[in-house]
Amino acid sequence: MTTTEVQATVTDIYRQNAEAYAYGKY
């Protein structure tokens, strides 16, 4: 994987976790 792909994957996971946290909170 390229650095860009790794960064995109990490960003995706972070975004999914943030959304799950936001939905779980309300």
C-alpha atoms as a PDB file:
ATOM      1  CA  MET A   1       0.000   0.000   0.000  1.00  0.00           C
ATOM      2  CA  THR A   2       1.107   3.525  -0.642  1.00  0.00           C
ATOM      3  CA  THR A   3       1.271   6.153   2.076  1.00  0.00           C
ATOM      4  CA  THR A   4      -1.773   7.865   0.579  1.00  0.00           C
ATOM      5  CA  GLU A   5      -3.781   4.630   0.750  1.00  0.00           C
ATOM      6  CA  VAL A   6      -2.771   4.064   4.363  1.00  0.00           C
ATOM      7  CA  GLN A   7      -3.772   7.613   5.281  1.00  0.00           C
ATOM      8  CA  ALA A   8      -7.121   7.186   3.509  1.00  0.00           C
ATOM      9  CA  THR A   9      -7.790   3.940   5.379  1.00  0.00           C
ATOM     10  CA  VAL A  10      -6.916   5.490   8.743  1.00  0.00           C
ATOM     11  CA  THR A  11      -9.133   8.487   7.963  1.00  0.00           C
ATOM     12  CA  ASP A  12     -12.000   6.143   7.018  1.00  0.00           C
ATOM     13  CA  ILE A  13     -11.698   4.172  10.249  1.00  0.00           C
ATOM     14  CA  TYR A  14     -11.463   7.361  12.308  1.00  0.00           C
ATOM     15  CA  ARG A  15     -14.548   8.793  10.600  1.00  0.00           C
ATOM     16  CA  GLN A  16     -16.542   5.582  11.169  1.00  0.00           C
ATOM     17  CA  ASN A  17     -15.548   5.535  14.846  1.00  0.00           C
ATOM     18  CA  ALA A  18     -16.490   9.198  15.228  1.00  0.00           C
ATOM     19  CA  GLU A  19     -19.892   8.574  13.614  1.00  0.00           C
ATOM     20  CA  ALA A  20     -20.537   5.515  15.786  1.00  0.00           C
ATOM     21  CA  TYR A  21     -19.621   7.543  18.878  1.00  0.00           C
ATOM     22  CA  ALA A  22     -21.904  10.398  17.817  1.00  0.00           C
ATOM     23  CA  TYR A  23     -24.844   8.057  17.145  1.00  0.00           C
ATOM     24  CA  GLY A  24     -24.286   6.156  20.388  1.00  0.00           C
ATOM     25  CA  LYS A  25     -24.244   9.401  22.337  1.00  0.00           C
ATOM     26  CA  TYR A  26     -27.710  10.556  21.226  1.00  0.00           C
END
